[in-house]
Every structure is written in structure tokens, then in C-alpha cells.
Amino acid sequence: MSLPAQSSDVDDSMGHLPREFAAIMRPELPSLVHEIGVDVIRAFPEYAQLLNGPNAGSIRLGVERSLTAFVDRIADPTSSTAARDEILRTFGRVEAYEGRDIETLQGAYRLGARVALRRAKSVGHRYDLSPTLLLTFADALFTYVDELAALSREGYTEALARVGSPADVHRRRLLHLLLAGTPLTHSTIGELCEQGGWPLPDRVTLVALRDPVPEQVSAGLAPDVLADLGAPQPHLLLPGPFTAERQAALDVVAAAVPLVVGLTVPTAQAADSLRWARQLLQLVDEGAVPSARYLDCADHLLTLWLLSDPALVAELAARELAPLDQASGTRRARLAETLHAWLTTRGTAEQVGETLGVHAQTVRYRLRTLTTLFPGQLDDPTHRFAIEAALRARHVQGGADKGPR
């Protein structure tokens, strides 16, 4: 059945659903995504590594978008599904790269539909919805699943043409096992290393790449590099120490696609290296780190640490910098700036003044004010460290010149 016909069938089914039904179902989506994930892992254990691995966030986002698109179409049949469509094609590509039959994924889709229907029945009892309405919903839901399956089959068929040799498939599975935290002594890892001709290293470096990755990147990789370039968040695993030769090779890759190099870690901690690399990519997107085609986590460790938990940093700043709230807006910003400069340099008033471009006497006045606002705290190492961490975090977030909020 062609995709346009399927879309038309879904729209016909949804045409009999009241738009208010979308408002009833929408609050159910976050918990429904979780419930579907639990049931899918129980029924299809092979998906446990994916749903608990480094791509889990992207996979859950894809499931969430698929469900949201269904509800959106009930509310507005003309709503766009472009973002959802590409994610579903990617799901199909991953199945091909993993060496699984597409029927496994489609079975997971059908199971997800049954879980959603079970939830809809529960909601129906809660809101006293008619059985006819729930039957119409079920018809639309399973027709919609056929549409999702067709999109994933497109991606699956496309990927089969370039999935690579059996050894490539083994290496991708090995990469996913390593990133899922599977013990290195696991028999499957040993078998895959042997089948893929890949000796297990003591240390590895993970690399996060921007999506999409140009095709020429794969051809230029060293034979011992494990890669998943078709994943929603493409990445590489470089075995052994991070040598000058490795860096030179990545310089070539960065010319084709922006990347972030994670830290070199023991192989059992491979997922940490990739997590840090992806966090740095996110900080670039948020504007906290300047964009570049090649970034190294080793150059941004303090930033990664300070911004690893924004909510906690905000709470720390609110507590430690609360005394500054006693000053007015502009004066508060200048005091925060002076405090940050003094804690960073621990220099004299003259040195701090030179850093800030103000007179030393102005610095002395501000420091006396700060000593009054923070009685005893600036002499206490613990408080001083916490205050400096809060100010540094706000500085890298671009808010240091605005003072405490």
C-alpha cells in the first residue's frame, strides 16, 4: 500500500474523531511513552540495549513525536509530519545496520499501538466516552501504525543498499554493546570482536558528530574505528590512545562534518566519553560554547562540569549569591563583576582594577561593600569556592555581566 493512500486512510478515520479528543489524550503522552518503552523491552529484549544506551534519548523523542503527530492530526488534519517521517525512516535504517529483520520493528509498532489503545480505554472510562468513539479511535490508530511501518520500511530498504559487510554489522552491534555498559567479559562481546576482527582495547575515545554525516566520511575512516554514522546522533569509537595520527584523521573528518572529541577513558567507560561529547555539542547549540568544526572536551572540562546540571547550578547561585540581591540592578551587576574578578585572580586592588578597567580605589570600595554583604563568607574556603563556582557558571552562560537574576 502506498504512503499517500495510507495517509488518506488515517485522515478518513480521524475525520470521525472529535477534535476535543486530542485535548483529552495529549496529557497522557509522556507517561504513555514510558509505558510503551517498558512493554517493548519486555517483549523484544533485543531493544533493551538501544533503549538504555546512548541513543535512548533520540529513540524516545522519535516515539514521542510519533504519538504527538497522531494527536496533532486529530486536532488539525493539516498538521505537518515532516520531522516525524525522517525519524521513522531513521528507525528503519538502524534496523538494517543492526542486522535485524524489519518485522521486529513493525512488531514493536503494533505492540505500542496496543498499549496506546489500552490507555485510551482507561481514559474512555474516566471521561465516560462512547464505545463507538473508542472503536473509531482504534481503527485510526492501527491505520496510523501502518503508515509508520511504511516509513520505516523506506529507511530500511534504503539502508540495505549500503549496510556493508557482515563484519560491519558485527562491529556496529559491538559498538552498541560497549556503549550500553555491557561487561567487557560478556561472551557476546568476545564473539563479536572475533567475528569483526577487532581486538578489544584497554582505552577508547568517543567522537560525537553532527547529523547528517556525508557519505565520504565513512570511506576515510581507519579500519579499526567503530562507527555508527546512520544513528540519529552519529558517533565514532577510536580504540587505543588518542595519538597525533588520530587527531590528524579527525581534522580531515571535521572538514566534512562538525564533531566533538570526548575524553580518552577505559573501555568500560566508553558511554561517559560519548555523553560528555554530546553535552558539549548541546552547549554549542545553547550558545554557552562558541561553535567550531572541531571541539575537544579536554578544552572545556570546567564548562562541562559547571553546566552539567543547570537546575542545580541555578539553585546554587540563588543561595550563594543571595546577598547581592540587596543591591540595585546596575550596582549589583558591578559588584558581581568585581567579585568574580577578585575570586578568579585573587590579585590586588590594582590588578583587579586593571582587569576591569576601573580605578583601584573603586575596587577597594566595592570589596569593602562585598565584605559587608558576605560577612565572613569570603574568608571561608567552602563558601568562597561555592560563590566562585556560581559566578563562573553564570559567566559561561553569558549572564555574568547581568548580575544575579
Foldseek 3Di string as FASTA:
>chain_A
DDLVVLLVQLLVLLVPAALVVLVLCVVVLVVLLVVLVVVLCVVPVVCVLVCLFPCVVVVSVLVSLLVNVSSVCSNPVVDDCVVNLVSLLLVLLVCLLLVHDLVSVLVSLVSSLVSVLVVVVVSCVVVVPDPVNSVSVSSSSVSSSVSSSVSNVVSNVVNNVPSDDPLLNLLQVLVSCLRSLPPCPDVSNVVSCVSNVADAAFKKKKKWWDPQADPVLVVLDDSRKRWDNSHNTTMIIGGDDCDPVNVVSVVVSLVRTAMEIFDIDGSSCRNVRVVLRVVVVVCCVLVLDPDDSYHYSVVCVLLCVLPVPVVVLLVLCCVLVVLLVVDDFQLSLVLLLLLLLCLVPVDQLPVSCVVVVHDSVVSVVSVVVVCVSQPPQCVDVVSSVSSNSSLVNCVSSVNSNRHRD
